[in-house]
Amino acid sequence: MPQAPRPILLDEVFVGVDTVNRGQIFALLTALDLDLMLTSDHEWCTYGELPGIAVHQLLTDTDDDAVTSARFVWNGTDLESE
């Protein structure tokens, strides 16, 4: 039987939540087997409770109208750029 994505979009969900509770939330989302999408201007999702996630940072230049993306991957222990 094919597996359908189970996305959950979180927009600035961790404002005012401490680091321990953030890790617990990621552990719960992982246990529920949800496909996490998160928008934030400062959250990088580098928590041991999260086994892996791709991070796309949007970059702009003040002299250019273009937007580019830098991709990083969290593998559960390290954040690596690609």
C-alpha atoms as a PDB file:
ATOM      1  CA  MET A   1       0.000   0.000   0.000  1.00  0.00           C
ATOM      2  CA  PRO A   2       1.507   3.385  -0.985  1.00  0.00           C
ATOM      3  CA  GLN A   3       2.389   5.784   1.777  1.00  0.00           C
ATOM      4  CA  ALA A   4       0.848   9.239   1.460  1.00  0.00           C
ATOM      5  CA  PRO A   5       2.679  12.253   2.907  1.00  0.00           C
ATOM      6  CA  ARG A   6       1.377  13.438   6.260  1.00  0.00           C
ATOM      7  CA  PRO A   7       2.460  17.083   6.277  1.00  0.00           C
ATOM      8  CA  ILE A   8       2.172  19.462   9.178  1.00  0.00           C
ATOM      9  CA  LEU A   9       3.045  23.130   8.625  1.00  0.00           C
ATOM     10  CA  LEU A  10       4.260  25.032  11.672  1.00  0.00           C
ATOM     11  CA  ASP A  11       4.608  28.800  11.350  1.00  0.00           C
ATOM     12  CA  GLU A  12       6.777  30.382  14.088  1.00  0.00           C
ATOM     13  CA  VAL A  13       5.386  27.739  16.445  1.00  0.00           C
ATOM     14  CA  PHE A  14       8.241  27.900  18.971  1.00  0.00           C
ATOM     15  CA  VAL A  15       8.104  31.560  19.966  1.00  0.00           C
ATOM     16  CA  GLY A  16       8.376  31.606  23.762  1.00  0.00           C
ATOM     17  CA  VAL A  17       9.019  27.834  24.034  1.00  0.00           C
ATOM     18  CA  ASP A  18      12.256  26.767  25.730  1.00  0.00           C
ATOM     19  CA  THR A  19      14.847  24.436  24.194  1.00  0.00           C
ATOM     20  CA  VAL A  20      13.831  21.359  26.228  1.00  0.00           C
ATOM     21  CA  ASN A  21      10.188  21.700  25.204  1.00  0.00           C
ATOM     22  CA  ARG A  22      11.163  22.250  21.560  1.00  0.00           C
ATOM     23  CA  GLY A  23      13.015  18.930  21.601  1.00  0.00           C
ATOM     24  CA  GLN A  24      10.002  17.238  23.164  1.00  0.00           C
ATOM     25  CA  ILE A  25       7.731  18.651  20.450  1.00  0.00           C
ATOM     26  CA  PHE A  26      10.075  17.323  17.745  1.00  0.00           C
ATOM     27  CA  ALA A  27      10.099  13.911  19.448  1.00  0.00           C
ATOM     28  CA  LEU A  28       6.289  13.874  19.399  1.00  0.00           C
ATOM     29  CA  LEU A  29       6.096  14.911  15.729  1.00  0.00           C
ATOM     30  CA  THR A  30       8.606  12.175  14.869  1.00  0.00           C
ATOM     31  CA  ALA A  31       6.634   9.569  16.860  1.00  0.00           C
ATOM     32  CA  LEU A  32       3.493  10.591  14.943  1.00  0.00           C
ATOM     33  CA  ASP A  33       5.447  10.079  11.673  1.00  0.00           C
ATOM     34  CA  LEU A  34       4.485  13.505  10.339  1.00  0.00           C
ATOM     35  CA  ASP A  35       6.275  15.273   7.472  1.00  0.00           C
ATOM     36  CA  LEU A  36       7.339  18.508   9.126  1.00  0.00           C
ATOM     37  CA  MET A  37       7.483  21.853   7.343  1.00  0.00           C
ATOM     38  CA  LEU A  38       8.407  24.808   9.487  1.00  0.00           C
ATOM     39  CA  THR A  39       8.769  28.505   8.736  1.00  0.00           C
ATOM     40  CA  SER A  40      10.986  30.557  11.000  1.00  0.00           C
ATOM     41  CA  ASP A  41      13.513  33.331  10.795  1.00  0.00           C
ATOM     42  CA  HIS A  42      15.746  31.754  13.459  1.00  0.00           C
ATOM     43  CA  GLU A  43      14.851  28.072  14.121  1.00  0.00           C
ATOM     44  CA  TRP A  44      17.250  25.547  12.520  1.00  0.00           C
ATOM     45  CA  CYS A  45      15.713  22.354  14.003  1.00  0.00           C
ATOM     46  CA  THR A  46      19.030  21.004  15.277  1.00  0.00           C
ATOM     47  CA  TYR A  47      17.671  18.834  18.072  1.00  0.00           C
ATOM     48  CA  GLY A  48      18.779  15.278  18.859  1.00  0.00           C
ATOM     49  CA  GLU A  49      15.113  14.261  19.068  1.00  0.00           C
ATOM     50  CA  LEU A  50      14.752  15.013  15.337  1.00  0.00           C
ATOM     51  CA  PRO A  51      16.470  12.288  13.263  1.00  0.00           C
ATOM     52  CA  GLY A  52      16.830  14.433  10.154  1.00  0.00           C
ATOM     53  CA  ILE A  53      15.509  17.438   8.290  1.00  0.00           C
ATOM     54  CA  ALA A  54      16.449  19.554   5.266  1.00  0.00           C
ATOM     55  CA  VAL A  55      16.761  23.278   5.953  1.00  0.00           C
ATOM     56  CA  HIS A  56      16.388  25.811   3.141  1.00  0.00           C
ATOM     57  CA  GLN A  57      17.515  29.294   4.090  1.00  0.00           C
ATOM     58  CA  LEU A  58      16.259  32.038   1.777  1.00  0.00           C
ATOM     59  CA  LEU A  59      18.879  34.652   0.953  1.00  0.00           C
ATOM     60  CA  THR A  60      18.522  38.080  -0.596  1.00  0.00           C
ATOM     61  CA  ASP A  61      20.900  40.860  -1.494  1.00  0.00           C
ATOM     62  CA  THR A  62      19.941  44.499  -0.962  1.00  0.00           C
ATOM     63  CA  ASP A  63      21.146  45.341  -4.491  1.00  0.00           C
ATOM     64  CA  ASP A  64      19.255  42.510  -6.220  1.00  0.00           C
ATOM     65  CA  ASP A  65      15.604  41.495  -6.547  1.00  0.00           C
ATOM     66  CA  ALA A  66      16.485  37.790  -6.702  1.00  0.00           C
ATOM     67  CA  VAL A  67      15.998  35.302  -3.878  1.00  0.00           C
ATOM     68  CA  THR A  68      18.251  32.257  -3.629  1.00  0.00           C
ATOM     69  CA  SER A  69      18.240  29.259  -1.320  1.00  0.00           C
ATOM     70  CA  ALA A  70      21.042  27.686   0.677  1.00  0.00           C
ATOM     71  CA  ARG A  71      20.378  24.037   1.625  1.00  0.00           C
ATOM     72  CA  PHE A  72      21.524  22.425   4.860  1.00  0.00           C
ATOM     73  CA  VAL A  73      20.812  18.936   6.199  1.00  0.00           C
ATOM     74  CA  TRP A  74      20.465  17.973   9.857  1.00  0.00           C
ATOM     75  CA  ASN A  75      21.258  14.250  10.251  1.00  0.00           C
ATOM     76  CA  GLY A  76      20.352  13.972  13.924  1.00  0.00           C
ATOM     77  CA  THR A  77      23.795  14.996  15.156  1.00  0.00           C
ATOM     78  CA  ASP A  78      25.371  17.414  12.667  1.00  0.00           C
ATOM     79  CA  LEU A  79      24.230  20.270  10.438  1.00  0.00           C
ATOM     80  CA  GLU A  80      25.899  20.035   7.038  1.00  0.00           C
ATOM     81  CA  SER A  81      25.739  22.440   4.111  1.00  0.00           C
ATOM     82  CA  GLU A  82      25.175  21.134   0.612  1.00  0.00           C
END
